[in-house]
Amino acid sequence: MEALHKKIREEGIVLSDQVLKVDAFLNHQIDPLLMQQIGDEFARRFADAGITKIVTIEASGIAPAVMAGLRLGVPVIFARKHQSLTLTENLLVASVYSFTKQTESTVAISPRHLNSNDTVLVIDDFLANGKASQALISIINQAGAKLAGLGIVIEKSFQGGRAELDAQGYRVESLARVQSLANGVVTFVE
Protein backbone atom coordinates (compact mmCIF):
# COMPACT_ATOMS: atom_id res chain seq x y z
CA MET A 1 0.00 0.00 0.00
CA GLU A 2 1.99 2.93 -1.33
CA ALA A 3 0.21 5.70 0.65
CA LEU A 4 1.12 3.94 3.90
CA HIS A 5 4.73 3.33 2.81
CA LYS A 6 5.04 7.02 1.89
CA LYS A 7 3.64 8.12 5.25
CA ILE A 8 6.03 5.82 7.12
CA ARG A 9 9.00 7.13 5.13
CA GLU A 10 8.02 10.80 5.60
CA GLU A 11 6.62 10.85 9.16
CA GLY A 12 7.80 7.65 10.85
CA ILE A 13 10.66 8.02 13.30
CA VAL A 14 13.10 5.16 13.83
CA LEU A 15 13.91 5.15 17.56
CA SER A 16 16.10 2.03 17.43
CA ASP A 17 16.65 -1.02 15.26
CA GLN A 18 13.54 -2.49 16.98
CA VAL A 19 11.17 0.49 17.40
CA LEU A 20 9.36 2.58 14.78
CA LYS A 21 7.39 5.57 16.06
CA VAL A 22 4.31 6.39 13.97
CA ASP A 23 2.40 8.58 16.41
CA ALA A 24 2.08 11.37 13.81
CA PHE A 25 -0.52 9.42 11.84
CA LEU A 26 -1.46 6.06 13.42
CA ASN A 27 -1.30 5.66 17.17
CA HIS A 28 -1.49 9.10 18.76
CA GLN A 29 -2.52 11.58 16.10
CA ILE A 30 -4.62 9.85 13.44
CA ASP A 31 -4.69 10.65 9.73
CA PRO A 32 -8.39 10.02 8.89
CA LEU A 33 -7.89 9.85 5.11
CA LEU A 34 -5.09 7.31 5.49
CA MET A 35 -7.22 5.30 7.95
CA GLN A 36 -10.04 5.29 5.39
CA GLN A 37 -7.65 3.98 2.73
CA ILE A 38 -6.36 1.34 5.16
CA GLY A 39 -9.93 0.28 6.01
CA ASP A 40 -10.78 0.07 2.32
CA GLU A 41 -7.74 -2.12 1.65
CA PHE A 42 -8.51 -4.52 4.50
CA ALA A 43 -12.13 -4.72 3.31
CA ARG A 44 -10.92 -5.48 -0.23
CA ARG A 45 -8.52 -8.19 0.92
CA PHE A 46 -11.11 -9.91 3.17
CA ALA A 47 -14.24 -9.22 1.09
CA ASP A 48 -14.88 -12.91 0.41
CA ALA A 49 -14.16 -14.18 3.96
CA GLY A 50 -17.69 -13.87 5.38
CA ILE A 51 -16.61 -11.51 8.17
CA THR A 52 -19.30 -10.84 10.80
CA LYS A 53 -17.14 -9.03 13.39
CA ILE A 54 -13.82 -7.23 13.59
CA VAL A 55 -11.76 -7.53 16.78
CA THR A 56 -8.87 -5.31 17.86
CA ILE A 57 -7.14 -4.20 21.08
CA GLU A 58 -7.57 -0.69 22.47
CA ALA A 59 -6.43 1.83 21.54
CA SER A 60 -4.23 1.98 18.45
CA GLY A 61 -6.07 -0.67 16.47
CA ILE A 62 -9.44 1.04 16.81
CA ALA A 63 -9.13 3.59 13.98
CA PRO A 64 -8.16 1.14 11.21
CA ALA A 65 -10.62 -1.44 12.57
CA VAL A 66 -13.53 1.01 12.54
CA MET A 67 -12.75 2.05 8.97
CA ALA A 68 -12.65 -1.59 7.84
CA GLY A 69 -15.86 -2.29 9.77
CA LEU A 70 -17.54 0.64 8.10
CA ARG A 71 -16.55 -0.64 4.65
CA LEU A 72 -17.48 -4.27 5.44
CA GLY A 73 -20.68 -3.25 7.25
CA VAL A 74 -19.87 -5.18 10.44
CA PRO A 75 -19.45 -4.27 14.13
CA VAL A 76 -16.03 -3.66 15.65
CA ILE A 77 -15.18 -4.98 19.12
CA PHE A 78 -12.12 -3.80 20.97
CA ALA A 79 -10.57 -5.86 23.71
CA ARG A 80 -10.37 -3.62 26.74
CA LYS A 81 -7.18 -3.33 28.75
CA HIS A 82 -8.74 -1.68 31.76
CA GLN A 83 -11.41 -3.04 34.06
CA SER A 84 -14.76 -1.29 33.82
CA LEU A 85 -17.73 -1.24 36.17
CA THR A 86 -19.93 -2.18 33.22
CA LEU A 87 -17.71 -4.96 31.88
CA THR A 88 -18.08 -7.68 34.51
CA GLU A 89 -19.91 -10.79 33.26
CA ASN A 90 -17.93 -14.00 32.52
CA LEU A 91 -15.46 -12.19 30.32
CA LEU A 92 -13.35 -13.71 27.58
CA VAL A 93 -9.83 -12.81 28.74
CA ALA A 94 -6.21 -13.22 27.74
CA SER A 95 -2.85 -11.79 28.78
CA VAL A 96 -0.72 -9.82 26.36
CA TYR A 97 2.84 -8.58 26.71
CA SER A 98 3.66 -5.26 25.03
CA PHE A 99 7.19 -5.16 23.63
CA THR A 100 7.07 -1.37 23.25
CA LYS A 101 5.67 -0.63 26.71
CA GLN A 102 7.46 -3.55 28.42
CA THR A 103 4.30 -4.40 30.37
CA GLU A 104 1.81 -7.24 30.57
CA SER A 105 -1.92 -6.49 30.41
CA THR A 106 -5.08 -8.52 30.66
CA VAL A 107 -7.48 -7.82 27.81
CA ALA A 108 -11.16 -8.67 27.86
CA ILE A 109 -14.21 -8.90 25.61
CA SER A 110 -17.77 -9.50 26.71
CA PRO A 111 -19.19 -12.82 25.48
CA ARG A 112 -22.38 -10.89 24.64
CA HIS A 113 -20.60 -9.45 21.62
CA LEU A 114 -18.64 -12.46 20.31
CA ASN A 115 -19.91 -16.02 19.92
CA SER A 116 -19.69 -19.23 17.91
CA ASN A 117 -21.77 -17.77 15.05
CA ASP A 118 -19.11 -15.17 14.28
CA THR A 119 -16.40 -15.13 11.64
CA VAL A 120 -13.78 -12.69 12.87
CA LEU A 121 -11.16 -10.47 11.30
CA VAL A 122 -8.46 -9.29 13.71
CA ILE A 123 -7.02 -5.87 12.91
CA ASP A 124 -4.05 -4.36 14.71
CA ASP A 125 -1.66 -1.47 14.18
CA PHE A 126 1.57 -3.49 14.57
CA LEU A 127 2.73 -7.08 14.36
CA ALA A 128 6.10 -7.63 16.05
CA ASN A 129 6.40 -10.65 18.30
CA GLY A 130 2.75 -11.59 17.81
CA LYS A 131 1.71 -11.43 21.48
CA ALA A 132 -1.31 -9.17 20.87
CA SER A 133 -2.45 -11.33 17.96
CA GLN A 134 -2.10 -14.50 20.05
CA ALA A 135 -4.14 -12.93 22.87
CA LEU A 136 -6.94 -12.01 20.47
CA ILE A 137 -6.84 -15.47 18.89
CA SER A 138 -7.21 -16.96 22.37
CA ILE A 139 -10.28 -14.81 23.04
CA ILE A 140 -11.79 -15.72 19.66
CA ASN A 141 -11.21 -19.41 20.42
CA GLN A 142 -12.79 -19.03 23.88
CA ALA A 143 -15.89 -17.61 22.17
CA GLY A 144 -15.97 -20.55 19.74
CA ALA A 145 -15.82 -18.11 16.84
CA LYS A 146 -13.99 -18.69 13.55
CA LEU A 147 -10.89 -16.64 12.72
CA ALA A 148 -10.85 -15.54 9.09
CA GLY A 149 -7.48 -13.85 9.34
CA LEU A 150 -5.42 -10.98 10.67
CA GLY A 151 -5.09 -7.54 9.09
CA ILE A 152 -1.93 -5.76 10.20
CA VAL A 153 -1.17 -2.13 9.37
CA ILE A 154 2.61 -2.36 9.95
CA GLU A 155 4.47 -5.65 10.31
CA LYS A 156 8.02 -5.75 11.65
CA SER A 157 9.01 -8.78 9.57
CA PHE A 158 12.41 -9.03 11.28
CA GLN A 159 10.67 -10.10 14.50
CA GLY A 160 9.07 -13.51 15.01
CA GLY A 161 5.34 -12.77 15.09
CA ARG A 162 4.60 -13.36 11.42
CA ALA A 163 6.53 -16.64 11.28
CA GLU A 164 4.68 -17.93 14.34
CA LEU A 165 1.25 -17.03 12.91
CA ASP A 166 2.17 -18.54 9.52
CA ALA A 167 3.33 -21.74 11.24
CA GLN A 168 -0.05 -21.98 12.98
CA GLY A 169 -1.79 -21.69 9.60
CA TYR A 170 -3.37 -18.25 10.04
CA ARG A 171 -3.95 -15.89 7.13
CA VAL A 172 -1.99 -12.67 7.73
CA GLU A 173 -2.41 -9.63 5.48
CA SER A 174 0.06 -6.84 6.30
CA LEU A 175 -0.16 -3.51 4.50
CA ALA A 176 3.44 -2.48 5.19
CA ARG A 177 6.10 -5.11 5.89
CA VAL A 178 9.22 -3.59 7.44
CA GLN A 179 12.33 -5.65 6.73
CA SER A 180 14.74 -3.54 8.79
CA LEU A 181 15.11 -0.40 10.89
CA ALA A 182 18.93 -0.59 10.85
CA ASN A 183 20.90 2.67 10.82
CA GLY A 184 17.72 4.70 11.33
CA VAL A 185 16.33 3.74 7.91
CA VAL A 186 13.04 1.97 7.23
CA THR A 187 13.50 -0.77 4.62
CA PHE A 188 10.42 -2.58 3.35
CA VAL A 189 10.05 -6.21 2.28
CA GLU A 190 9.69 -6.17 -1.50
C-alpha atoms as a PDB file:
ATOM      1  CA  MET A   1       0.000   0.000   0.000  1.00  0.00           C
ATOM      2  CA  GLU A   2       1.988   2.929  -1.331  1.00  0.00           C
ATOM      3  CA  ALA A   3       0.212   5.702   0.651  1.00  0.00           C
ATOM      4  CA  LEU A   4       1.123   3.945   3.897  1.00  0.00           C
ATOM      5  CA  HIS A   5       4.728   3.332   2.807  1.00  0.00           C
ATOM      6  CA  LYS A   6       5.043   7.018   1.886  1.00  0.00           C
ATOM      7  CA  LYS A   7       3.637   8.124   5.250  1.00  0.00           C
ATOM      8  CA  ILE A   8       6.028   5.815   7.125  1.00  0.00           C
ATOM      9  CA  ARG A   9       9.004   7.134   5.132  1.00  0.00           C
ATOM     10  CA  GLU A  10       8.021  10.797   5.602  1.00  0.00           C
ATOM     11  CA  GLU A  11       6.625  10.848   9.158  1.00  0.00           C
ATOM     12  CA  GLY A  12       7.795   7.654  10.853  1.00  0.00           C
ATOM     13  CA  ILE A  13      10.658   8.018  13.300  1.00  0.00           C
ATOM     14  CA  VAL A  14      13.103   5.156  13.831  1.00  0.00           C
ATOM     15  CA  LEU A  15      13.910   5.145  17.559  1.00  0.00           C
ATOM     16  CA  SER A  16      16.095   2.030  17.431  1.00  0.00           C
ATOM     17  CA  ASP A  17      16.655  -1.023  15.264  1.00  0.00           C
ATOM     18  CA  GLN A  18      13.542  -2.493  16.981  1.00  0.00           C
ATOM     19  CA  VAL A  19      11.172   0.485  17.402  1.00  0.00           C
ATOM     20  CA  LEU A  20       9.356   2.580  14.780  1.00  0.00           C
ATOM     21  CA  LYS A  21       7.388   5.572  16.063  1.00  0.00           C
ATOM     22  CA  VAL A  22       4.306   6.387  13.973  1.00  0.00           C
ATOM     23  CA  ASP A  23       2.404   8.583  16.405  1.00  0.00           C
ATOM     24  CA  ALA A  24       2.080  11.369  13.812  1.00  0.00           C
ATOM     25  CA  PHE A  25      -0.519   9.419  11.842  1.00  0.00           C
ATOM     26  CA  LEU A  26      -1.458   6.062  13.421  1.00  0.00           C
ATOM     27  CA  ASN A  27      -1.296   5.658  17.166  1.00  0.00           C
ATOM     28  CA  HIS A  28      -1.495   9.101  18.759  1.00  0.00           C
ATOM     29  CA  GLN A  29      -2.517  11.577  16.098  1.00  0.00           C
ATOM     30  CA  ILE A  30      -4.622   9.849  13.439  1.00  0.00           C
ATOM     31  CA  ASP A  31      -4.692  10.649   9.728  1.00  0.00           C
ATOM     32  CA  PRO A  32      -8.389  10.016   8.889  1.00  0.00           C
ATOM     33  CA  LEU A  33      -7.891   9.846   5.112  1.00  0.00           C
ATOM     34  CA  LEU A  34      -5.086   7.314   5.494  1.00  0.00           C
ATOM     35  CA  MET A  35      -7.222   5.295   7.955  1.00  0.00           C
ATOM     36  CA  GLN A  36     -10.040   5.286   5.391  1.00  0.00           C
ATOM     37  CA  GLN A  37      -7.650   3.982   2.731  1.00  0.00           C
ATOM     38  CA  ILE A  38      -6.363   1.337   5.160  1.00  0.00           C
ATOM     39  CA  GLY A  39      -9.929   0.280   6.014  1.00  0.00           C
ATOM     40  CA  ASP A  40     -10.780   0.066   2.318  1.00  0.00           C
ATOM     41  CA  GLU A  41      -7.735  -2.123   1.655  1.00  0.00           C
ATOM     42  CA  PHE A  42      -8.511  -4.520   4.501  1.00  0.00           C
ATOM     43  CA  ALA A  43     -12.126  -4.722   3.305  1.00  0.00           C
ATOM     44  CA  ARG A  44     -10.925  -5.479  -0.234  1.00  0.00           C
ATOM     45  CA  ARG A  45      -8.520  -8.192   0.923  1.00  0.00           C
ATOM     46  CA  PHE A  46     -11.111  -9.906   3.171  1.00  0.00           C
ATOM     47  CA  ALA A  47     -14.240  -9.219   1.092  1.00  0.00           C
ATOM     48  CA  ASP A  48     -14.880 -12.914   0.411  1.00  0.00           C
ATOM     49  CA  ALA A  49     -14.162 -14.179   3.957  1.00  0.00           C
ATOM     50  CA  GLY A  50     -17.689 -13.870   5.376  1.00  0.00           C
ATOM     51  CA  ILE A  51     -16.610 -11.506   8.174  1.00  0.00           C
ATOM     52  CA  THR A  52     -19.304 -10.841  10.796  1.00  0.00           C
ATOM     53  CA  LYS A  53     -17.140  -9.029  13.391  1.00  0.00           C
ATOM     54  CA  ILE A  54     -13.823  -7.232  13.593  1.00  0.00           C
ATOM     55  CA  VAL A  55     -11.761  -7.535  16.781  1.00  0.00           C
ATOM     56  CA  THR A  56      -8.866  -5.315  17.863  1.00  0.00           C
ATOM     57  CA  ILE A  57      -7.142  -4.196  21.076  1.00  0.00           C
ATOM     58  CA  GLU A  58      -7.575  -0.694  22.469  1.00  0.00           C
ATOM     59  CA  ALA A  59      -6.433   1.833  21.542  1.00  0.00           C
ATOM     60  CA  SER A  60      -4.227   1.978  18.452  1.00  0.00           C
ATOM     61  CA  GLY A  61      -6.073  -0.669  16.466  1.00  0.00           C
ATOM     62  CA  ILE A  62      -9.442   1.039  16.811  1.00  0.00           C
ATOM     63  CA  ALA A  63      -9.134   3.593  13.978  1.00  0.00           C
ATOM     64  CA  PRO A  64      -8.163   1.139  11.210  1.00  0.00           C
ATOM     65  CA  ALA A  65     -10.619  -1.443  12.571  1.00  0.00           C
ATOM     66  CA  VAL A  66     -13.534   1.008  12.542  1.00  0.00           C
ATOM     67  CA  MET A  67     -12.754   2.049   8.971  1.00  0.00           C
ATOM     68  CA  ALA A  68     -12.648  -1.594   7.841  1.00  0.00           C
ATOM     69  CA  GLY A  69     -15.855  -2.290   9.775  1.00  0.00           C
ATOM     70  CA  LEU A  70     -17.540   0.645   8.096  1.00  0.00           C
ATOM     71  CA  ARG A  71     -16.554  -0.639   4.653  1.00  0.00           C
ATOM     72  CA  LEU A  72     -17.484  -4.272   5.440  1.00  0.00           C
ATOM     73  CA  GLY A  73     -20.681  -3.246   7.246  1.00  0.00           C
ATOM     74  CA  VAL A  74     -19.866  -5.181  10.438  1.00  0.00           C
ATOM     75  CA  PRO A  75     -19.453  -4.273  14.128  1.00  0.00           C
ATOM     76  CA  VAL A  76     -16.028  -3.662  15.648  1.00  0.00           C
ATOM     77  CA  ILE A  77     -15.177  -4.980  19.115  1.00  0.00           C
ATOM     78  CA  PHE A  78     -12.121  -3.800  20.965  1.00  0.00           C
ATOM     79  CA  ALA A  79     -10.565  -5.861  23.707  1.00  0.00           C
ATOM     80  CA  ARG A  80     -10.371  -3.620  26.736  1.00  0.00           C
ATOM     81  CA  LYS A  81      -7.178  -3.327  28.754  1.00  0.00           C
ATOM     82  CA  HIS A  82      -8.744  -1.678  31.761  1.00  0.00           C
ATOM     83  CA  GLN A  83     -11.405  -3.036  34.064  1.00  0.00           C
ATOM     84  CA  SER A  84     -14.760  -1.289  33.819  1.00  0.00           C
ATOM     85  CA  LEU A  85     -17.728  -1.243  36.174  1.00  0.00           C
ATOM     86  CA  THR A  86     -19.935  -2.176  33.224  1.00  0.00           C
ATOM     87  CA  LEU A  87     -17.709  -4.963  31.883  1.00  0.00           C
ATOM     88  CA  THR A  88     -18.084  -7.678  34.513  1.00  0.00           C
ATOM     89  CA  GLU A  89     -19.907 -10.794  33.258  1.00  0.00           C
ATOM     90  CA  ASN A  90     -17.929 -14.004  32.517  1.00  0.00           C
ATOM     91  CA  LEU A  91     -15.459 -12.185  30.321  1.00  0.00           C
ATOM     92  CA  LEU A  92     -13.348 -13.709  27.583  1.00  0.00           C
ATOM     93  CA  VAL A  93      -9.829 -12.812  28.744  1.00  0.00           C
ATOM     94  CA  ALA A  94      -6.206 -13.218  27.740  1.00  0.00           C
ATOM     95  CA  SER A  95      -2.847 -11.789  28.780  1.00  0.00           C
ATOM     96  CA  VAL A  96      -0.722  -9.825  26.358  1.00  0.00           C
ATOM     97  CA  TYR A  97       2.839  -8.581  26.705  1.00  0.00           C
ATOM     98  CA  SER A  98       3.661  -5.264  25.026  1.00  0.00           C
ATOM     99  CA  PHE A  99       7.191  -5.155  23.631  1.00  0.00           C
ATOM    100  CA  THR A 100       7.066  -1.369  23.251  1.00  0.00           C
ATOM    101  CA  LYS A 101       5.674  -0.634  26.712  1.00  0.00           C
ATOM    102  CA  GLN A 102       7.463  -3.549  28.418  1.00  0.00           C
ATOM    103  CA  THR A 103       4.304  -4.405  30.368  1.00  0.00           C
ATOM    104  CA  GLU A 104       1.812  -7.239  30.566  1.00  0.00           C
ATOM    105  CA  SER A 105      -1.921  -6.493  30.405  1.00  0.00           C
ATOM    106  CA  THR A 106      -5.079  -8.517  30.665  1.00  0.00           C
ATOM    107  CA  VAL A 107      -7.480  -7.817  27.808  1.00  0.00           C
ATOM    108  CA  ALA A 108     -11.162  -8.672  27.859  1.00  0.00           C
ATOM    109  CA  ILE A 109     -14.212  -8.905  25.610  1.00  0.00           C
ATOM    110  CA  SER A 110     -17.769  -9.501  26.712  1.00  0.00           C
ATOM    111  CA  PRO A 111     -19.188 -12.819  25.478  1.00  0.00           C
ATOM    112  CA  ARG A 112     -22.379 -10.890  24.643  1.00  0.00           C
ATOM    113  CA  HIS A 113     -20.597  -9.453  21.617  1.00  0.00           C
ATOM    114  CA  LEU A 114     -18.638 -12.457  20.309  1.00  0.00           C
ATOM    115  CA  ASN A 115     -19.911 -16.016  19.916  1.00  0.00           C
ATOM    116  CA  SER A 116     -19.694 -19.228  17.909  1.00  0.00           C
ATOM    117  CA  ASN A 117     -21.768 -17.773  15.055  1.00  0.00           C
ATOM    118  CA  ASP A 118     -19.112 -15.167  14.282  1.00  0.00           C
ATOM    119  CA  THR A 119     -16.401 -15.127  11.643  1.00  0.00           C
ATOM    120  CA  VAL A 120     -13.776 -12.694  12.874  1.00  0.00           C
ATOM    121  CA  LEU A 121     -11.160 -10.471  11.297  1.00  0.00           C
ATOM    122  CA  VAL A 122      -8.464  -9.287  13.705  1.00  0.00           C
ATOM    123  CA  ILE A 123      -7.025  -5.874  12.905  1.00  0.00           C
ATOM    124  CA  ASP A 124      -4.049  -4.359  14.711  1.00  0.00           C
ATOM    125  CA  ASP A 125      -1.663  -1.470  14.176  1.00  0.00           C
ATOM    126  CA  PHE A 126       1.567  -3.491  14.571  1.00  0.00           C
ATOM    127  CA  LEU A 127       2.735  -7.080  14.364  1.00  0.00           C
ATOM    128  CA  ALA A 128       6.099  -7.629  16.055  1.00  0.00           C
ATOM    129  CA  ASN A 129       6.400 -10.647  18.304  1.00  0.00           C
ATOM    130  CA  GLY A 130       2.752 -11.591  17.811  1.00  0.00           C
ATOM    131  CA  LYS A 131       1.706 -11.426  21.476  1.00  0.00           C
ATOM    132  CA  ALA A 132      -1.310  -9.165  20.873  1.00  0.00           C
ATOM    133  CA  SER A 133      -2.448 -11.332  17.960  1.00  0.00           C
ATOM    134  CA  GLN A 134      -2.096 -14.501  20.046  1.00  0.00           C
ATOM    135  CA  ALA A 135      -4.140 -12.932  22.869  1.00  0.00           C
ATOM    136  CA  LEU A 136      -6.941 -12.007  20.474  1.00  0.00           C
ATOM    137  CA  ILE A 137      -6.840 -15.471  18.888  1.00  0.00           C
ATOM    138  CA  SER A 138      -7.210 -16.960  22.372  1.00  0.00           C
ATOM    139  CA  ILE A 139     -10.282 -14.810  23.038  1.00  0.00           C
ATOM    140  CA  ILE A 140     -11.794 -15.725  19.663  1.00  0.00           C
ATOM    141  CA  ASN A 141     -11.212 -19.414  20.423  1.00  0.00           C
ATOM    142  CA  GLN A 142     -12.790 -19.031  23.878  1.00  0.00           C
ATOM    143  CA  ALA A 143     -15.894 -17.615  22.166  1.00  0.00           C
ATOM    144  CA  GLY A 144     -15.973 -20.553  19.737  1.00  0.00           C
ATOM    145  CA  ALA A 145     -15.819 -18.114  16.835  1.00  0.00           C
ATOM    146  CA  LYS A 146     -13.991 -18.689  13.546  1.00  0.00           C
ATOM    147  CA  LEU A 147     -10.893 -16.637  12.721  1.00  0.00           C
ATOM    148  CA  ALA A 148     -10.849 -15.541   9.088  1.00  0.00           C
ATOM    149  CA  GLY A 149      -7.480 -13.847   9.338  1.00  0.00           C
ATOM    150  CA  LEU A 150      -5.423 -10.979  10.670  1.00  0.00           C
ATOM    151  CA  GLY A 151      -5.091  -7.544   9.093  1.00  0.00           C
ATOM    152  CA  ILE A 152      -1.935  -5.760  10.198  1.00  0.00           C
ATOM    153  CA  VAL A 153      -1.168  -2.132   9.369  1.00  0.00           C
ATOM    154  CA  ILE A 154       2.615  -2.364   9.954  1.00  0.00           C
ATOM    155  CA  GLU A 155       4.471  -5.648  10.315  1.00  0.00           C
ATOM    156  CA  LYS A 156       8.021  -5.749  11.648  1.00  0.00           C
ATOM    157  CA  SER A 157       9.007  -8.778   9.574  1.00  0.00           C
ATOM    158  CA  PHE A 158      12.405  -9.033  11.280  1.00  0.00           C
ATOM    159  CA  GLN A 159      10.667 -10.100  14.501  1.00  0.00           C
ATOM    160  CA  GLY A 160       9.073 -13.507  15.008  1.00  0.00           C
ATOM    161  CA  GLY A 161       5.341 -12.768  15.089  1.00  0.00           C
ATOM    162  CA  ARG A 162       4.598 -13.357  11.417  1.00  0.00           C
ATOM    163  CA  ALA A 163       6.531 -16.644  11.276  1.00  0.00           C
ATOM    164  CA  GLU A 164       4.676 -17.934  14.338  1.00  0.00           C
ATOM    165  CA  LEU A 165       1.251 -17.034  12.912  1.00  0.00           C
ATOM    166  CA  ASP A 166       2.170 -18.535   9.518  1.00  0.00           C
ATOM    167  CA  ALA A 167       3.333 -21.739  11.239  1.00  0.00           C
ATOM    168  CA  GLN A 168      -0.046 -21.976  12.977  1.00  0.00           C
ATOM    169  CA  GLY A 169      -1.794 -21.689   9.602  1.00  0.00           C
ATOM    170  CA  TYR A 170      -3.372 -18.254  10.037  1.00  0.00           C
ATOM    171  CA  ARG A 171      -3.954 -15.889   7.133  1.00  0.00           C
ATOM    172  CA  VAL A 172      -1.987 -12.673   7.728  1.00  0.00           C
ATOM    173  CA  GLU A 173      -2.411  -9.633   5.485  1.00  0.00           C
ATOM    174  CA  SER A 174       0.059  -6.842   6.297  1.00  0.00           C
ATOM    175  CA  LEU A 175      -0.160  -3.507   4.500  1.00  0.00           C
ATOM    176  CA  ALA A 176       3.442  -2.484   5.188  1.00  0.00           C
ATOM    177  CA  ARG A 177       6.099  -5.112   5.893  1.00  0.00           C
ATOM    178  CA  VAL A 178       9.224  -3.595   7.436  1.00  0.00           C
ATOM    179  CA  GLN A 179      12.334  -5.649   6.730  1.00  0.00           C
ATOM    180  CA  SER A 180      14.741  -3.535   8.794  1.00  0.00           C
ATOM    181  CA  LEU A 181      15.108  -0.398  10.893  1.00  0.00           C
ATOM    182  CA  ALA A 182      18.926  -0.589  10.848  1.00  0.00           C
ATOM    183  CA  ASN A 183      20.897   2.672  10.822  1.00  0.00           C
ATOM    184  CA  GLY A 184      17.715   4.698  11.326  1.00  0.00           C
ATOM    185  CA  VAL A 185      16.326   3.745   7.910  1.00  0.00           C
ATOM    186  CA  VAL A 186      13.038   1.967   7.228  1.00  0.00           C
ATOM    187  CA  THR A 187      13.504  -0.774   4.619  1.00  0.00           C
ATOM    188  CA  PHE A 188      10.418  -2.578   3.349  1.00  0.00           C
ATOM    189  CA  VAL A 189      10.046  -6.209   2.276  1.00  0.00           C
ATOM    190  CA  GLU A 190       9.689  -6.166  -1.505  1.00  0.00           C
END
